Protein backbone atom coordinates (compact mmCIF):
# COMPACT_ATOMS: atom_id res chain seq x y z
CA MET A 1 53.23 76.92 106.90
CA GLN A 2 50.25 79.06 107.72
CA ALA A 3 48.46 77.31 105.27
CA LEU A 4 49.22 73.91 106.40
CA ALA A 5 48.18 74.85 110.38
CA ALA A 6 45.07 76.62 108.95
CA TRP A 7 44.02 73.38 106.77
CA PHE A 8 44.64 70.82 110.17
CA ILE A 9 41.46 72.79 112.16
CA ALA A 10 39.99 73.91 109.32
CA ARG A 11 37.69 70.27 109.23
CA PRO A 12 37.50 67.83 111.87
CA GLN A 13 38.33 64.97 109.30
CA ASN A 14 41.62 66.97 108.25
CA ALA A 15 42.65 66.74 112.00
CA VAL A 16 42.18 62.77 111.86
CA LEU A 17 43.85 62.51 109.25
CA GLY A 18 46.85 64.62 109.94
CA LEU A 19 46.84 62.86 113.44
CA ALA A 20 47.02 59.70 112.00
CA ALA A 21 49.81 60.13 108.83
CA THR A 22 52.21 62.20 110.80
CA LEU A 23 52.37 59.51 113.38
CA LEU A 24 53.80 57.15 111.17
CA LEU A 25 55.94 59.20 109.04
CA PRO A 26 59.31 57.66 108.87
CA TYR A 27 62.59 58.59 110.19
CA VAL A 28 61.29 61.60 112.20
CA PRO A 29 60.34 61.08 116.14
CA PRO A 30 56.30 61.42 116.13
CA GLN A 31 56.71 63.87 118.72
CA LEU A 32 57.88 66.09 116.06
CA THR A 33 55.53 65.45 113.57
CA SER A 34 51.98 64.16 115.38
CA GLY A 35 52.80 66.06 118.38
CA VAL A 36 52.92 69.30 116.56
CA VAL A 37 49.43 68.60 114.89
CA LEU A 38 48.26 67.64 118.43
CA SER A 39 49.70 70.46 120.34
CA LEU A 40 48.28 72.62 117.47
CA LEU A 41 44.45 71.09 117.53
CA VAL A 42 44.46 71.97 121.77
CA VAL A 43 45.66 75.55 121.89
CA ALA A 44 43.35 76.31 118.67
CA GLN A 45 40.57 74.22 118.95
CA GLY A 46 40.53 73.52 122.99
CA THR A 47 40.86 70.46 124.63
CA ARG A 48 37.87 68.75 124.46
CA LEU A 49 37.83 68.95 120.43
CA ALA A 50 41.24 67.28 120.62
CA VAL A 51 40.88 64.61 122.71
CA ILE A 52 38.03 63.34 120.41
CA GLU A 53 39.95 64.24 117.18
CA ALA A 54 43.16 61.85 118.62
CA LEU A 55 40.75 59.41 119.56
CA ALA A 56 39.44 58.92 116.34
CA ALA A 57 43.09 59.14 114.97
CA ALA A 58 43.50 56.39 117.28
CA ALA A 59 40.99 54.41 116.12
CA LEU A 60 41.65 54.55 112.59
CA LEU A 61 45.27 53.31 113.34
CA VAL A 62 43.86 50.38 115.40
CA ALA A 63 42.02 49.45 112.46
CA VAL A 64 44.25 49.67 109.49
CA THR A 65 46.86 47.73 112.10
CA LEU A 66 44.39 45.18 112.56
CA ILE A 67 43.31 45.31 108.39
CA PHE A 68 47.50 44.12 108.14
CA GLY A 69 48.02 41.87 110.77
CA LEU A 70 50.24 43.80 112.62
CA PRO A 71 50.56 43.88 116.41
CA VAL A 72 48.39 46.27 118.25
CA VAL A 73 50.34 46.89 121.20
CA SER A 74 53.43 48.44 118.78
CA ILE A 75 50.57 51.46 117.43
CA VAL A 76 49.24 51.70 120.88
CA ALA A 77 52.79 52.61 122.61
CA LEU A 78 53.62 54.48 119.85
CA MET A 79 50.60 57.00 120.02
CA THR A 80 51.03 57.43 123.75
CA GLY A 81 54.56 58.14 123.70
CA ALA A 82 54.01 60.38 121.20
CA TRP A 83 50.79 61.88 122.58
CA ALA A 84 50.38 61.94 126.32
CA PRO A 85 53.29 63.67 126.93
CA VAL A 86 52.56 66.68 124.22
CA LEU A 87 48.78 66.45 124.98
CA PHE A 88 49.55 67.29 129.05
CA LEU A 89 52.07 70.29 128.17
CA ALA A 90 49.32 71.95 125.90
CA VAL A 91 46.73 71.45 128.21
CA MET A 92 48.88 73.22 130.78
CA LEU A 93 49.54 75.56 128.36
CA VAL A 94 45.84 76.49 127.89
CA THR A 95 44.97 76.19 131.70
CA THR A 96 47.94 78.16 132.76
CA ARG A 97 47.78 80.84 129.84
CA SER A 98 51.00 80.70 130.17
CA LEU A 99 54.05 79.61 128.21
CA ALA A 100 56.95 80.26 130.85
CA LEU A 101 54.80 78.26 133.55
CA THR A 102 54.31 75.93 131.13
CA MET A 103 58.13 75.01 130.70
CA GLN A 104 58.66 75.41 134.39
CA VAL A 105 56.10 73.20 135.16
CA SER A 106 57.48 70.03 132.24
CA VAL A 107 60.95 70.00 133.82
CA ILE A 108 59.15 69.27 137.03
CA VAL A 109 57.33 66.70 135.76
CA ALA A 110 60.39 65.44 133.77
CA ILE A 111 62.31 65.00 137.15
CA VAL A 112 59.32 63.57 138.94
CA GLY A 113 58.92 60.73 136.00
CA MET A 114 63.12 60.13 136.58
CA LEU A 115 62.23 59.44 139.90
CA GLY A 116 59.01 57.33 139.67
CA PHE A 117 61.34 55.14 137.48
CA HIS A 118 64.17 54.71 140.13
CA VAL A 119 61.19 53.81 142.78
CA VAL A 120 59.24 51.51 140.04
CA VAL A 121 62.50 49.83 138.43
CA ALA A 122 64.06 48.10 141.23
CA ASP A 123 67.30 47.14 138.87
CA PRO A 124 67.92 49.64 136.59
CA THR A 125 71.16 48.24 135.29
CA ALA A 126 69.50 45.13 134.27
CA PHE A 127 66.28 47.28 132.88
CA TRP A 128 68.82 49.03 130.52
CA GLN A 129 70.70 45.75 129.62
CA PRO A 130 68.91 44.64 126.51
CA VAL A 131 68.90 48.57 125.28
CA LEU A 132 72.37 48.53 125.94
CA THR A 133 72.60 44.85 123.83
CA ALA A 134 70.70 45.99 120.87
CA MET A 135 72.40 49.13 120.80
CA SER A 136 76.03 47.67 120.80
CA GLU A 137 74.70 45.15 117.77
CA LEU A 138 73.25 48.09 115.71
CA ALA A 139 76.68 50.13 116.22
CA ARG A 140 78.33 46.56 115.32
CA GLN A 141 76.51 46.60 112.08
CA SER A 142 77.34 49.92 111.02
CA GLY A 143 80.91 49.17 111.49
CA LEU A 144 81.14 50.99 114.69
CA GLU A 145 82.09 50.07 118.51
CA LEU A 146 79.66 51.41 121.00
CA ASN A 147 81.96 52.08 124.49
CA THR A 148 79.00 50.80 126.59
CA GLU A 149 81.64 51.11 130.04
CA LEU A 150 80.10 54.69 129.41
CA LEU A 151 76.71 53.95 129.34
CA ASN A 152 75.61 52.91 132.95
CA ALA A 153 72.27 52.80 134.31
CA GLU A 154 72.22 56.45 135.64
CA VAL A 155 73.73 57.61 132.18
CA MET A 156 70.98 55.52 130.28
CA THR A 157 68.31 57.13 133.12
CA VAL A 158 68.96 60.57 132.41
CA SER A 159 69.73 60.38 128.65
CA ALA A 160 65.71 58.90 127.92
CA THR A 161 64.40 61.51 130.41
CA LEU A 162 65.97 64.26 128.57
CA ALA A 163 65.10 62.99 125.55
CA MET A 164 61.63 62.19 126.04
CA TRP A 165 61.42 65.83 127.72
CA THR A 166 62.90 67.71 124.39
CA LEU A 167 60.94 66.01 121.99
CA SER A 168 57.83 66.87 124.02
CA VAL A 169 58.50 70.44 124.61
CA THR A 170 59.63 70.71 121.19
CA GLY A 171 56.59 69.31 119.69
CA LEU A 172 54.83 71.81 122.35
CA LEU A 173 56.80 74.83 120.73
CA LEU A 174 56.28 73.95 117.42
CA GLY A 175 52.98 73.37 117.72
CA TYR A 176 52.38 76.72 119.66
CA GLY A 177 54.23 78.49 116.63
CA LEU A 178 52.38 77.25 114.32
CA TYR A 179 49.27 78.42 116.38
CA ARG A 180 50.91 82.22 116.31
CA LYS A 181 50.79 81.74 112.75
CA LEU A 182 47.31 81.46 112.27
CA PRO A 183 45.03 84.16 110.76
CA GLY A 184 42.52 86.11 113.17
CA ASP A 185 42.31 86.66 116.72
CA ILE A 186 44.94 84.68 118.90
CA ALA A 187 45.95 84.11 122.55
CA ASN A 188 48.86 85.43 123.58
CA TYR A 189 50.55 83.18 125.86
CA GLY A 190 54.44 84.40 125.81
CA LEU A 191 56.69 84.27 123.21
CA PHE A 192 59.60 81.49 123.30
CA ARG A 193 61.90 84.52 123.15
CA ASN A 194 61.11 85.75 126.16
CA LEU A 195 60.98 82.26 127.99
CA SER A 196 62.79 82.13 131.58
CA PHE A 197 62.43 79.15 133.99
CA GLY A 198 63.25 81.80 137.00
CA LYS A 199 64.90 82.08 140.13
CA VAL A 200 63.29 78.65 141.58
CA LEU A 201 64.78 76.59 139.30
CA ALA A 202 67.89 78.15 139.07
CA VAL A 203 68.74 78.29 142.71
CA ALA A 204 67.41 74.31 142.61
CA LEU A 205 69.98 73.72 139.98
CA ALA A 206 72.46 75.19 142.67
CA LEU A 207 71.65 73.54 145.73
CA VAL A 208 70.68 69.84 144.19
CA SER A 209 74.36 70.35 142.05
CA LEU A 210 76.70 71.41 145.45
CA VAL A 211 74.56 68.22 147.80
CA GLY A 212 74.73 66.06 144.97
CA PHE A 213 79.07 66.58 144.71
CA LEU A 214 79.60 66.91 148.08
CA ALA A 215 77.53 63.65 149.12
CA GLY A 216 78.51 61.45 145.80
CA VAL A 217 74.92 61.05 145.30
CA PRO A 218 74.17 59.75 142.07
CA LEU A 219 70.09 60.17 142.04
CA LEU A 220 70.81 64.19 142.90
CA GLU A 221 73.67 64.37 139.88
CA SER A 222 70.90 63.01 137.71
CA ILE A 223 68.44 65.47 138.69
CA ALA A 224 71.02 68.61 138.30
CA MET A 225 72.09 67.22 134.61
CA VAL A 226 68.24 67.58 133.76
CA LEU A 227 67.92 70.90 135.26
CA PHE A 228 71.15 72.31 133.67
CA VAL A 229 69.96 71.13 130.02
CA ALA A 230 66.52 72.59 130.40
CA PHE A 231 68.32 75.93 130.80
CA CYS A 232 69.96 75.84 127.12
CA VAL A 233 66.06 75.96 126.11
CA GLN A 234 66.41 79.58 127.77
CA GLY A 235 69.54 79.94 126.15
CA LEU A 236 67.74 79.11 122.75
CA SER A 237 65.23 81.17 123.67
CA ILE A 238 68.36 84.27 124.03
CA VAL A 239 69.50 83.65 120.59
CA HIS A 240 65.97 83.78 118.96
CA TRP A 241 65.43 87.00 121.25
CA MET A 242 68.62 88.68 119.51
CA HIS A 243 67.24 87.60 116.15
CA ALA A 244 64.02 89.41 116.55
CA SER A 245 65.98 92.54 117.90
CA GLY A 246 68.41 92.56 115.07
CA MET A 247 71.45 91.67 117.28
CA LEU A 248 72.01 88.26 115.11
CA PRO A 249 70.78 87.57 111.34
CA LEU A 250 68.62 84.79 110.63
CA GLY A 251 71.92 82.72 109.39
CA ALA A 252 73.29 82.47 113.00
CA VAL A 253 69.91 81.21 114.40
CA ILE A 254 70.04 78.61 111.60
CA ALA A 255 74.04 78.13 112.45
CA THR A 256 72.99 77.45 115.88
CA TYR A 257 70.47 74.73 115.42
CA VAL A 258 72.99 72.95 112.53
CA LEU A 259 75.56 72.61 114.89
CA LEU A 260 73.64 71.61 117.97
CA PRO A 261 73.90 68.09 117.29
CA LEU A 262 77.45 68.21 115.95
CA LEU A 263 78.48 69.90 118.91
CA GLN A 264 76.20 68.68 121.11
CA VAL A 265 78.28 68.30 124.57
CA LEU A 266 80.15 71.87 124.11
CA LEU A 267 76.74 74.09 122.55
CA ILE A 268 74.71 72.43 124.95
CA THR A 269 76.76 73.54 127.51
CA VAL A 270 77.53 77.13 126.73
CA LEU A 271 73.95 77.94 125.78
CA ALA A 272 72.75 75.96 129.12
CA VAL A 273 75.16 78.23 130.72
CA LEU A 274 73.72 80.99 129.03
CA GLY A 275 70.37 80.62 129.95
CA TYR A 276 71.37 80.45 133.43
CA MET A 277 73.26 83.29 133.93
CA ASP A 278 70.19 85.37 132.09
CA VAL A 279 68.27 84.19 135.39
CA TRP A 280 70.55 86.15 137.54
CA PHE A 281 71.58 88.91 135.52
CA GLY A 282 68.70 89.54 132.75
CA PHE A 283 70.98 89.36 129.61
CA ARG A 284 67.83 90.70 127.67
CA ARG A 285 66.88 93.71 130.04
CA ARG A 286 70.27 94.73 130.06
CA MET A 287 70.86 94.55 126.14
CA LYS A 288 67.61 96.26 125.30
CA LYS A 289 68.29 99.04 127.78
CA ALA A 290 72.03 99.32 126.00
């Protein structure tokens, strides 16, 4: 991975080709491929050069799309969805020089984006209906049956918000991780294993959850869900901290990620509770002292 990261930043043409090629890889979200490369470029080379390389990659992709007679709108939408959120977070990381602050801001931006969706879209149910229809058809073709009654507009909005946030921050973290593997003098913006979302977001989660539950406001409940799942990332950082401290073997870390898509709700809940409680009780600090 170190050699690959070094290749991407060795020459501008390498960066352009890397951004373009990784965007079109099948079966993998582009935020986890091309977004990672863009994050690496911003942190390693600076925002200005990375943006120029991204524009060159965009021009290359549009030219190829026109040559093959494909719709340009689709490739532009793909580039925007894959690059814009990761670019914002990477620029934030370089500007603030703090991984923790960047992650905290990312959660706030995700919530603001979800609120903006409710302002712009007058009828979320009608907005998500074509998506649910397509999902039901895909499930039917696979021999499955999708329970659309559970997937109401609020659930779909929260799911879409969390999916975009998760992919974007993962692209940032992986790109920053590649940057950390580069040889030479590299900047230190913080380590993932020391990540903490802080007491401000923890208090916000408690207040929003309480008010949303007592008042029965679906929007507040959605905000609480986004905040709660965000603390799952802090729970994962604790797992990495325990491995770095020699308390957990590498196999346990790998098993956590392997089981995450299988156990989903259970494991996310456990990690989120662990991350949330860590804000108040400082598990890593206590374990270090012990």
